[in-house]
Amino acid sequence: MNPNDQLKIKISIADRVYPLTVTYAQEEALRSASKKIDIMINKFEESYAVRDKQDVLAMCALQFASQTEQKTIDKSEGYNKAIDRLVRLDEALDRILSK
């Protein structure tokens, strides 16, 4: 079985079923993502008096997007700190080697 072969699956999100054609390589991630969305929907519905699924789905989308953005920011900050350390190290080596 080739991981790029197509597979027809049904994903359930917010009590709606979505038929999808995906690769075998994508299947596990999509099923996991749909479970995480449903868990988050349940948490929002339990925590807040929300009657409209659209509002709950919008909050889920915002939550997932903000997590992705935060990871990007964290990686960027870590990268910038590493560059700063390398620049200071390079400057220190230049000082030592120029003596």
N, C-alpha and C. Protein backbone atom coordinates (compact mmCIF):
# COMPACT_ATOMS: atom_id res chain seq x y z
N MET A 1 0.83 -1.18 0.00
CA MET A 1 0.00 0.00 0.00
C MET A 1 0.88 1.25 0.00
N ASN A 2 0.70 2.09 -0.97
CA ASN A 2 1.46 3.33 -1.11
C ASN A 2 0.83 4.41 -0.22
N PRO A 3 1.61 5.15 0.60
CA PRO A 3 1.04 6.19 1.45
C PRO A 3 0.35 7.30 0.68
N ASN A 4 0.63 7.42 -0.62
CA ASN A 4 -0.01 8.45 -1.43
C ASN A 4 -1.28 7.96 -2.13
N ASP A 5 -1.64 6.67 -1.94
CA ASP A 5 -2.89 6.17 -2.50
C ASP A 5 -4.06 6.90 -1.87
N GLN A 6 -5.12 7.04 -2.63
CA GLN A 6 -6.31 7.76 -2.17
C GLN A 6 -7.23 6.84 -1.37
N LEU A 7 -7.86 7.41 -0.37
CA LEU A 7 -8.76 6.70 0.52
C LEU A 7 -9.97 7.58 0.77
N LYS A 8 -11.16 7.00 0.71
CA LYS A 8 -12.38 7.77 1.01
C LYS A 8 -12.74 7.53 2.47
N ILE A 9 -12.84 8.64 3.23
CA ILE A 9 -13.19 8.54 4.65
C ILE A 9 -14.31 9.51 4.95
N LYS A 10 -14.90 9.34 6.12
CA LYS A 10 -15.91 10.28 6.60
C LYS A 10 -15.43 10.81 7.94
N ILE A 11 -15.38 12.12 8.04
CA ILE A 11 -14.95 12.79 9.26
C ILE A 11 -16.17 13.50 9.86
N SER A 12 -16.34 13.35 11.16
CA SER A 12 -17.45 13.99 11.84
C SER A 12 -16.93 15.16 12.66
N ILE A 13 -17.52 16.32 12.43
CA ILE A 13 -17.18 17.53 13.19
C ILE A 13 -18.48 18.24 13.53
N ALA A 14 -18.69 18.49 14.80
CA ALA A 14 -19.87 19.22 15.27
C ALA A 14 -21.16 18.57 14.76
N ASP A 15 -21.23 17.28 14.89
CA ASP A 15 -22.41 16.50 14.50
C ASP A 15 -22.74 16.56 13.01
N ARG A 16 -21.74 16.88 12.22
CA ARG A 16 -21.90 16.82 10.76
C ARG A 16 -20.84 15.90 10.20
N VAL A 17 -21.21 15.17 9.18
CA VAL A 17 -20.29 14.22 8.56
C VAL A 17 -19.78 14.83 7.26
N TYR A 18 -18.47 14.77 7.09
CA TYR A 18 -17.83 15.30 5.89
C TYR A 18 -17.09 14.19 5.18
N PRO A 19 -17.56 13.81 3.98
CA PRO A 19 -16.82 12.80 3.21
C PRO A 19 -15.59 13.44 2.57
N LEU A 20 -14.47 12.78 2.71
CA LEU A 20 -13.22 13.31 2.17
C LEU A 20 -12.47 12.23 1.41
N THR A 21 -11.73 12.64 0.42
CA THR A 21 -10.80 11.76 -0.25
C THR A 21 -9.41 12.24 0.12
N VAL A 22 -8.67 11.38 0.80
CA VAL A 22 -7.36 11.75 1.34
C VAL A 22 -6.36 10.66 1.02
N THR A 23 -5.10 10.96 1.27
CA THR A 23 -4.08 9.91 1.13
C THR A 23 -4.03 9.13 2.45
N TYR A 24 -3.50 7.92 2.38
CA TYR A 24 -3.34 7.13 3.60
C TYR A 24 -2.48 7.88 4.60
N ALA A 25 -1.51 8.62 4.12
CA ALA A 25 -0.60 9.37 4.99
C ALA A 25 -1.34 10.47 5.76
N GLN A 26 -2.44 10.99 5.20
CA GLN A 26 -3.18 12.08 5.84
C GLN A 26 -4.25 11.59 6.80
N GLU A 27 -4.67 10.35 6.64
CA GLU A 27 -5.85 9.85 7.37
C GLU A 27 -5.73 10.01 8.89
N GLU A 28 -4.65 9.53 9.46
CA GLU A 28 -4.50 9.56 10.92
C GLU A 28 -4.55 10.98 11.46
N ALA A 29 -3.86 11.90 10.79
CA ALA A 29 -3.83 13.29 11.25
C ALA A 29 -5.22 13.92 11.17
N LEU A 30 -5.96 13.63 10.12
CA LEU A 30 -7.30 14.18 9.98
C LEU A 30 -8.25 13.64 11.03
N ARG A 31 -8.17 12.34 11.29
CA ARG A 31 -9.04 11.75 12.31
C ARG A 31 -8.69 12.31 13.70
N SER A 32 -7.41 12.46 13.97
CA SER A 32 -6.97 13.03 15.24
C SER A 32 -7.44 14.48 15.38
N ALA A 33 -7.30 15.24 14.31
CA ALA A 33 -7.72 16.65 14.34
C ALA A 33 -9.22 16.76 14.58
N SER A 34 -10.01 15.92 13.93
CA SER A 34 -11.47 16.00 14.12
C SER A 34 -11.84 15.66 15.56
N LYS A 35 -11.14 14.70 16.18
CA LYS A 35 -11.40 14.38 17.58
C LYS A 35 -11.06 15.55 18.49
N LYS A 36 -9.91 16.21 18.21
CA LYS A 36 -9.52 17.37 19.01
C LYS A 36 -10.53 18.50 18.88
N ILE A 37 -11.05 18.70 17.67
CA ILE A 37 -12.06 19.74 17.46
C ILE A 37 -13.30 19.42 18.27
N ASP A 38 -13.77 18.18 18.21
CA ASP A 38 -14.97 17.81 18.96
C ASP A 38 -14.76 17.94 20.47
N ILE A 39 -13.58 17.59 20.96
CA ILE A 39 -13.28 17.76 22.39
C ILE A 39 -13.34 19.24 22.76
N MET A 40 -12.75 20.09 21.91
CA MET A 40 -12.75 21.52 22.18
C MET A 40 -14.17 22.09 22.11
N ILE A 41 -14.97 21.62 21.15
CA ILE A 41 -16.37 22.05 21.05
C ILE A 41 -17.09 21.73 22.35
N ASN A 42 -16.92 20.51 22.85
CA ASN A 42 -17.59 20.12 24.09
C ASN A 42 -17.15 20.99 25.26
N LYS A 43 -15.85 21.31 25.33
CA LYS A 43 -15.35 22.16 26.42
C LYS A 43 -15.97 23.56 26.35
N PHE A 44 -16.04 24.12 25.13
CA PHE A 44 -16.64 25.45 24.99
C PHE A 44 -18.12 25.42 25.34
N GLU A 45 -18.82 24.38 24.93
CA GLU A 45 -20.25 24.28 25.23
C GLU A 45 -20.50 24.10 26.72
N GLU A 46 -19.62 23.37 27.40
CA GLU A 46 -19.76 23.18 28.84
C GLU A 46 -19.40 24.45 29.62
N SER A 47 -18.41 25.18 29.14
CA SER A 47 -17.91 26.34 29.87
C SER A 47 -18.72 27.61 29.63
N TYR A 48 -19.32 27.72 28.48
CA TYR A 48 -20.04 28.95 28.11
C TYR A 48 -21.44 28.59 27.64
N ALA A 49 -22.36 29.49 27.87
CA ALA A 49 -23.74 29.27 27.42
C ALA A 49 -23.83 29.66 25.94
N VAL A 50 -23.36 28.77 25.09
CA VAL A 50 -23.35 29.04 23.66
C VAL A 50 -24.40 28.15 23.00
N ARG A 51 -25.28 28.77 22.25
CA ARG A 51 -26.33 28.00 21.60
C ARG A 51 -26.04 27.75 20.13
N ASP A 52 -25.25 28.59 19.55
CA ASP A 52 -25.00 28.53 18.11
C ASP A 52 -23.69 27.79 17.83
N LYS A 53 -23.77 26.71 17.07
CA LYS A 53 -22.57 25.94 16.71
C LYS A 53 -21.57 26.80 15.96
N GLN A 54 -22.05 27.76 15.19
CA GLN A 54 -21.16 28.64 14.43
C GLN A 54 -20.23 29.40 15.38
N ASP A 55 -20.77 29.88 16.49
CA ASP A 55 -19.95 30.60 17.47
C ASP A 55 -18.91 29.67 18.10
N VAL A 56 -19.33 28.45 18.41
CA VAL A 56 -18.40 27.48 19.00
C VAL A 56 -17.31 27.13 18.00
N LEU A 57 -17.67 26.91 16.76
CA LEU A 57 -16.67 26.60 15.74
C LEU A 57 -15.72 27.77 15.51
N ALA A 58 -16.24 28.99 15.57
CA ALA A 58 -15.38 30.17 15.42
C ALA A 58 -14.37 30.24 16.56
N MET A 59 -14.81 29.93 17.79
CA MET A 59 -13.90 29.94 18.93
C MET A 59 -12.86 28.83 18.80
N CYS A 60 -13.26 27.67 18.29
CA CYS A 60 -12.29 26.59 18.07
C CYS A 60 -11.25 27.00 17.04
N ALA A 61 -11.71 27.61 15.96
CA ALA A 61 -10.78 28.06 14.92
C ALA A 61 -9.80 29.08 15.49
N LEU A 62 -10.30 30.01 16.29
CA LEU A 62 -9.44 31.01 16.92
C LEU A 62 -8.44 30.35 17.86
N GLN A 63 -8.88 29.39 18.64
CA GLN A 63 -7.99 28.70 19.57
C GLN A 63 -6.86 27.98 18.84
N PHE A 64 -7.21 27.21 17.79
CA PHE A 64 -6.18 26.48 17.04
C PHE A 64 -5.24 27.44 16.31
N ALA A 65 -5.80 28.50 15.73
CA ALA A 65 -4.96 29.47 15.02
C ALA A 65 -4.01 30.17 15.98
N SER A 66 -4.49 30.52 17.17
CA SER A 66 -3.62 31.21 18.12
C SER A 66 -2.52 30.28 18.62
N GLN A 67 -2.81 28.99 18.77
CA GLN A 67 -1.77 28.03 19.17
C GLN A 67 -0.69 27.95 18.10
N THR A 68 -1.10 27.92 16.85
CA THR A 68 -0.15 27.86 15.74
C THR A 68 0.70 29.13 15.70
N GLU A 69 0.05 30.28 15.86
CA GLU A 69 0.78 31.55 15.85
C GLU A 69 1.76 31.63 17.02
N GLN A 70 1.34 31.15 18.20
CA GLN A 70 2.22 31.19 19.36
C GLN A 70 3.45 30.33 19.14
N LYS A 71 3.27 29.16 18.53
CA LYS A 71 4.41 28.30 18.22
C LYS A 71 5.37 29.00 17.26
N THR A 72 4.82 29.69 16.28
CA THR A 72 5.65 30.43 15.32
C THR A 72 6.44 31.52 16.03
N ILE A 73 5.77 32.25 16.93
CA ILE A 73 6.43 33.32 17.68
C ILE A 73 7.52 32.73 18.57
N ASP A 74 7.20 31.64 19.27
CA ASP A 74 8.18 31.02 20.16
C ASP A 74 9.41 30.56 19.39
N LYS A 75 9.19 29.95 18.23
CA LYS A 75 10.32 29.51 17.40
C LYS A 75 11.14 30.69 16.94
N SER A 76 10.47 31.76 16.54
CA SER A 76 11.15 32.96 16.06
C SER A 76 12.00 33.58 17.17
N GLU A 77 11.44 33.65 18.38
CA GLU A 77 12.18 34.21 19.50
C GLU A 77 13.39 33.36 19.82
N GLY A 78 13.22 32.05 19.79
CA GLY A 78 14.33 31.14 20.05
C GLY A 78 15.41 31.28 18.99
N TYR A 79 14.99 31.43 17.75
CA TYR A 79 15.93 31.62 16.65
C TYR A 79 16.71 32.92 16.84
N ASN A 80 15.99 33.99 17.16
CA ASN A 80 16.65 35.28 17.35
C ASN A 80 17.62 35.25 18.53
N LYS A 81 17.26 34.57 19.61
CA LYS A 81 18.17 34.45 20.75
C LYS A 81 19.42 33.67 20.36
N ALA A 82 19.25 32.61 19.58
CA ALA A 82 20.39 31.81 19.14
C ALA A 82 21.31 32.65 18.26
N ILE A 83 20.75 33.44 17.36
CA ILE A 83 21.55 34.30 16.49
C ILE A 83 22.32 35.31 17.33
N ASP A 84 21.66 35.92 18.31
CA ASP A 84 22.33 36.88 19.19
C ASP A 84 23.51 36.23 19.93
N ARG A 85 23.29 35.01 20.43
CA ARG A 85 24.38 34.30 21.13
C ARG A 85 25.53 34.00 20.18
N LEU A 86 25.21 33.60 18.95
CA LEU A 86 26.27 33.32 17.98
C LEU A 86 27.05 34.58 17.63
N VAL A 87 26.36 35.69 17.49
CA VAL A 87 27.04 36.96 17.19
C VAL A 87 27.98 37.33 18.33
N ARG A 88 27.51 37.21 19.58
CA ARG A 88 28.37 37.53 20.73
C ARG A 88 29.57 36.58 20.80
N LEU A 89 29.34 35.31 20.52
CA LEU A 89 30.43 34.33 20.51
C LEU A 89 31.44 34.66 19.43
N ASP A 90 30.96 35.04 18.25
CA ASP A 90 31.84 35.40 17.14
C ASP A 90 32.67 36.64 17.51
N GLU A 91 32.03 37.61 18.15
CA GLU A 91 32.75 38.81 18.56
C GLU A 91 33.81 38.47 19.61
N ALA A 92 33.46 37.59 20.54
CA ALA A 92 34.43 37.20 21.57
C ALA A 92 35.61 36.46 20.94
N LEU A 93 35.34 35.58 20.00
CA LEU A 93 36.43 34.87 19.31
C LEU A 93 37.31 35.83 18.53
N ASP A 94 36.70 36.81 17.88
CA ASP A 94 37.49 37.81 17.15
C ASP A 94 38.42 38.55 18.11
N ARG A 95 37.90 38.94 19.28
CA ARG A 95 38.73 39.64 20.26
C ARG A 95 39.89 38.75 20.72
N ILE A 96 39.62 37.51 20.99
CA ILE A 96 40.66 36.60 21.48
C ILE A 96 41.69 36.35 20.40
N LEU A 97 41.24 36.12 19.18
CA LEU A 97 42.17 35.80 18.09
C LEU A 97 42.95 37.00 17.61
N SER A 98 42.47 38.20 17.84
CA SER A 98 43.17 39.38 17.37
C SER A 98 44.27 39.83 18.34
N LYS A 99 44.39 39.20 19.48
CA LYS A 99 45.43 39.56 20.48
C LYS A 99 46.77 39.04 20.07
